[in-house]
Amino acid sequence: MDTGTRTWILLAGLTAATAALAGLDNRFAAAGMLALAWAKARTILGGFLHLGSAPGWLAAFTLPLAIWLAALAGLRVFS
């Protein structure tokens, strides 16, 4: 199986998990959905944009995104 197919399958699974969490109504579900959004962004950046093969670029994009999403999750969980 090639990389594009694996990436699509992974994105479909992550989207299904997001849809399952969307049915819940609590603060931790929102944090879980933000974590899944980060995983989907990392999958797209690494799989389709091939940043996984460029040293340092994948982390340069996903680390600030992780910090931003963690801040949003903290605001949601602790508000």
N, C-alpha and C. Protein backbone atom coordinates (compact mmCIF):
# COMPACT_ATOMS: atom_id res chain seq x y z
N MET A 1 0.85 -1.17 0.00
CA MET A 1 0.00 0.00 0.00
C MET A 1 0.90 1.24 0.00
N ASP A 2 0.59 2.20 -0.85
CA ASP A 2 1.44 3.37 -0.94
C ASP A 2 1.09 4.39 0.16
N THR A 3 1.92 5.41 0.27
CA THR A 3 1.79 6.39 1.34
C THR A 3 0.48 7.17 1.26
N GLY A 4 0.06 7.53 0.06
CA GLY A 4 -1.18 8.28 -0.10
C GLY A 4 -2.39 7.50 0.39
N THR A 5 -2.43 6.23 0.09
CA THR A 5 -3.55 5.39 0.53
C THR A 5 -3.55 5.24 2.03
N ARG A 6 -2.38 5.01 2.62
CA ARG A 6 -2.30 4.90 4.08
C ARG A 6 -2.71 6.20 4.76
N THR A 7 -2.33 7.31 4.16
CA THR A 7 -2.69 8.61 4.73
C THR A 7 -4.20 8.81 4.67
N TRP A 8 -4.84 8.46 3.55
CA TRP A 8 -6.29 8.59 3.44
C TRP A 8 -7.00 7.70 4.46
N ILE A 9 -6.53 6.48 4.63
CA ILE A 9 -7.15 5.56 5.59
C ILE A 9 -7.01 6.11 7.01
N LEU A 10 -5.83 6.61 7.34
CA LEU A 10 -5.61 7.18 8.67
C LEU A 10 -6.50 8.40 8.89
N LEU A 11 -6.61 9.26 7.89
CA LEU A 11 -7.47 10.43 8.01
C LEU A 11 -8.94 10.04 8.17
N ALA A 12 -9.37 9.01 7.47
CA ALA A 12 -10.75 8.54 7.61
C ALA A 12 -11.00 8.02 9.03
N GLY A 13 -10.03 7.29 9.59
CA GLY A 13 -10.16 6.81 10.96
C GLY A 13 -10.18 7.93 11.97
N LEU A 14 -9.31 8.91 11.80
CA LEU A 14 -9.29 10.05 12.71
C LEU A 14 -10.57 10.87 12.61
N THR A 15 -11.11 10.99 11.41
CA THR A 15 -12.37 11.71 11.22
C THR A 15 -13.52 10.95 11.88
N ALA A 16 -13.52 9.63 11.78
CA ALA A 16 -14.55 8.83 12.44
C ALA A 16 -14.46 8.99 13.96
N ALA A 17 -13.25 9.02 14.49
CA ALA A 17 -13.07 9.22 15.92
C ALA A 17 -13.55 10.61 16.34
N THR A 18 -13.30 11.61 15.52
CA THR A 18 -13.79 12.96 15.81
C THR A 18 -15.31 13.00 15.81
N ALA A 19 -15.92 12.32 14.84
CA ALA A 19 -17.39 12.27 14.79
C ALA A 19 -17.96 11.56 16.00
N ALA A 20 -17.28 10.53 16.48
CA ALA A 20 -17.75 9.82 17.67
C ALA A 20 -17.66 10.71 18.90
N LEU A 21 -16.60 11.48 19.02
CA LEU A 21 -16.46 12.39 20.16
C LEU A 21 -17.42 13.57 20.08
N ALA A 22 -17.83 13.93 18.87
CA ALA A 22 -18.73 15.07 18.70
C ALA A 22 -20.09 14.80 19.33
N GLY A 23 -20.46 13.54 19.47
CA GLY A 23 -21.73 13.21 20.09
C GLY A 23 -21.74 13.38 21.59
N LEU A 24 -20.57 13.48 22.19
CA LEU A 24 -20.47 13.66 23.64
C LEU A 24 -20.55 15.14 23.97
N ASP A 25 -21.05 15.43 25.15
CA ASP A 25 -21.18 16.83 25.54
C ASP A 25 -20.43 17.04 26.86
N ASN A 26 -19.13 17.06 26.79
CA ASN A 26 -18.35 17.39 27.98
C ASN A 26 -17.04 18.05 27.57
N ARG A 27 -16.37 18.55 28.54
CA ARG A 27 -15.15 19.33 28.26
C ARG A 27 -14.01 18.47 27.76
N PHE A 28 -13.93 17.25 28.22
CA PHE A 28 -12.83 16.39 27.82
C PHE A 28 -13.00 15.88 26.39
N ALA A 29 -14.24 15.81 25.92
CA ALA A 29 -14.47 15.45 24.52
C ALA A 29 -13.93 16.55 23.62
N ALA A 30 -14.10 17.80 24.03
CA ALA A 30 -13.57 18.92 23.25
C ALA A 30 -12.04 18.85 23.19
N ALA A 31 -11.41 18.52 24.30
CA ALA A 31 -9.95 18.38 24.31
C ALA A 31 -9.52 17.21 23.43
N GLY A 32 -10.29 16.14 23.44
CA GLY A 32 -9.99 15.00 22.58
C GLY A 32 -10.12 15.34 21.11
N MET A 33 -11.14 16.14 20.77
CA MET A 33 -11.31 16.55 19.38
C MET A 33 -10.16 17.46 18.93
N LEU A 34 -9.67 18.30 19.83
CA LEU A 34 -8.52 19.14 19.48
C LEU A 34 -7.27 18.29 19.28
N ALA A 35 -7.11 17.26 20.09
CA ALA A 35 -5.97 16.35 19.92
C ALA A 35 -6.08 15.61 18.58
N LEU A 36 -7.29 15.22 18.24
CA LEU A 36 -7.48 14.56 16.94
C LEU A 36 -7.24 15.53 15.78
N ALA A 37 -7.58 16.79 15.96
CA ALA A 37 -7.30 17.80 14.93
C ALA A 37 -5.79 17.94 14.73
N TRP A 38 -5.04 17.88 15.82
CA TRP A 38 -3.58 17.94 15.71
C TRP A 38 -3.05 16.71 14.97
N ALA A 39 -3.60 15.55 15.29
CA ALA A 39 -3.15 14.33 14.63
C ALA A 39 -3.48 14.37 13.13
N LYS A 40 -4.63 14.91 12.78
CA LYS A 40 -4.98 15.03 11.37
C LYS A 40 -4.06 16.02 10.66
N ALA A 41 -3.75 17.13 11.31
CA ALA A 41 -2.84 18.11 10.70
C ALA A 41 -1.45 17.49 10.50
N ARG A 42 -0.98 16.75 11.47
CA ARG A 42 0.33 16.10 11.36
C ARG A 42 0.32 15.05 10.25
N THR A 43 -0.78 14.34 10.12
CA THR A 43 -0.90 13.35 9.06
C THR A 43 -0.86 14.00 7.69
N ILE A 44 -1.56 15.10 7.54
CA ILE A 44 -1.58 15.81 6.25
C ILE A 44 -0.20 16.39 5.95
N LEU A 45 0.41 17.02 6.94
CA LEU A 45 1.73 17.62 6.72
C LEU A 45 2.78 16.56 6.39
N GLY A 46 2.73 15.44 7.09
CA GLY A 46 3.72 14.40 6.86
C GLY A 46 3.44 13.55 5.64
N GLY A 47 2.15 13.26 5.40
CA GLY A 47 1.80 12.34 4.34
C GLY A 47 1.66 12.98 2.98
N PHE A 48 0.94 14.09 2.91
CA PHE A 48 0.69 14.72 1.62
C PHE A 48 1.73 15.77 1.25
N LEU A 49 2.19 16.54 2.23
CA LEU A 49 3.18 17.57 1.94
C LEU A 49 4.61 17.06 2.09
N HIS A 50 4.77 15.82 2.53
CA HIS A 50 6.06 15.14 2.64
C HIS A 50 7.05 15.88 3.53
N LEU A 51 6.54 16.52 4.56
CA LEU A 51 7.44 17.23 5.48
C LEU A 51 8.16 16.26 6.42
N GLY A 52 7.68 15.02 6.48
CA GLY A 52 8.36 14.02 7.30
C GLY A 52 9.75 13.69 6.80
N SER A 53 9.97 13.87 5.50
CA SER A 53 11.30 13.57 4.94
C SER A 53 12.22 14.78 4.97
N ALA A 54 11.71 15.94 5.33
CA ALA A 54 12.53 17.15 5.43
C ALA A 54 12.90 17.35 6.90
N PRO A 55 14.18 17.27 7.23
CA PRO A 55 14.58 17.34 8.64
C PRO A 55 14.14 18.63 9.33
N GLY A 56 13.39 18.47 10.40
CA GLY A 56 12.99 19.60 11.22
C GLY A 56 11.73 20.32 10.81
N TRP A 57 11.29 20.16 9.57
CA TRP A 57 10.15 20.93 9.09
C TRP A 57 8.83 20.45 9.69
N LEU A 58 8.68 19.14 9.85
CA LEU A 58 7.44 18.63 10.43
C LEU A 58 7.26 19.14 11.85
N ALA A 59 8.32 19.10 12.63
CA ALA A 59 8.26 19.61 14.00
C ALA A 59 8.07 21.12 14.02
N ALA A 60 8.64 21.82 13.06
CA ALA A 60 8.50 23.27 13.01
C ALA A 60 7.06 23.69 12.77
N PHE A 61 6.30 22.85 12.11
CA PHE A 61 4.89 23.16 11.89
C PHE A 61 4.00 22.61 13.00
N THR A 62 4.30 21.41 13.49
CA THR A 62 3.38 20.77 14.43
C THR A 62 3.59 21.21 15.87
N LEU A 63 4.76 21.63 16.25
CA LEU A 63 4.98 22.07 17.63
C LEU A 63 4.20 23.34 17.96
N PRO A 64 4.26 24.40 17.15
CA PRO A 64 3.43 25.57 17.45
C PRO A 64 1.93 25.25 17.41
N LEU A 65 1.54 24.38 16.50
CA LEU A 65 0.14 23.98 16.44
C LEU A 65 -0.26 23.23 17.70
N ALA A 66 0.60 22.36 18.19
CA ALA A 66 0.32 21.63 19.43
C ALA A 66 0.20 22.58 20.62
N ILE A 67 1.06 23.57 20.68
CA ILE A 67 0.99 24.55 21.78
C ILE A 67 -0.32 25.34 21.70
N TRP A 68 -0.70 25.76 20.52
CA TRP A 68 -1.94 26.52 20.34
C TRP A 68 -3.16 25.66 20.71
N LEU A 69 -3.20 24.42 20.23
CA LEU A 69 -4.34 23.56 20.53
C LEU A 69 -4.37 23.17 22.01
N ALA A 70 -3.22 23.02 22.64
CA ALA A 70 -3.19 22.74 24.08
C ALA A 70 -3.72 23.93 24.87
N ALA A 71 -3.40 25.13 24.43
CA ALA A 71 -3.93 26.33 25.09
C ALA A 71 -5.45 26.39 24.94
N LEU A 72 -5.95 26.08 23.76
CA LEU A 72 -7.40 26.06 23.54
C LEU A 72 -8.07 24.98 24.39
N ALA A 73 -7.45 23.81 24.45
CA ALA A 73 -8.00 22.74 25.27
C ALA A 73 -8.01 23.12 26.74
N GLY A 74 -6.94 23.77 27.20
CA GLY A 74 -6.89 24.21 28.59
C GLY A 74 -7.96 25.23 28.89
N LEU A 75 -8.21 26.13 27.97
CA LEU A 75 -9.28 27.10 28.17
C LEU A 75 -10.64 26.42 28.25
N ARG A 76 -10.84 25.40 27.45
CA ARG A 76 -12.13 24.70 27.43
C ARG A 76 -12.30 23.83 28.68
N VAL A 77 -11.27 23.12 29.06
CA VAL A 77 -11.38 22.20 30.20
C VAL A 77 -11.48 22.95 31.52
N PHE A 78 -10.71 24.02 31.65
CA PHE A 78 -10.65 24.71 32.94
C PHE A 78 -11.54 25.96 33.02
N SER A 79 -12.38 26.19 32.02
CA SER A 79 -13.25 27.36 32.11
C SER A 79 -14.61 26.99 32.65
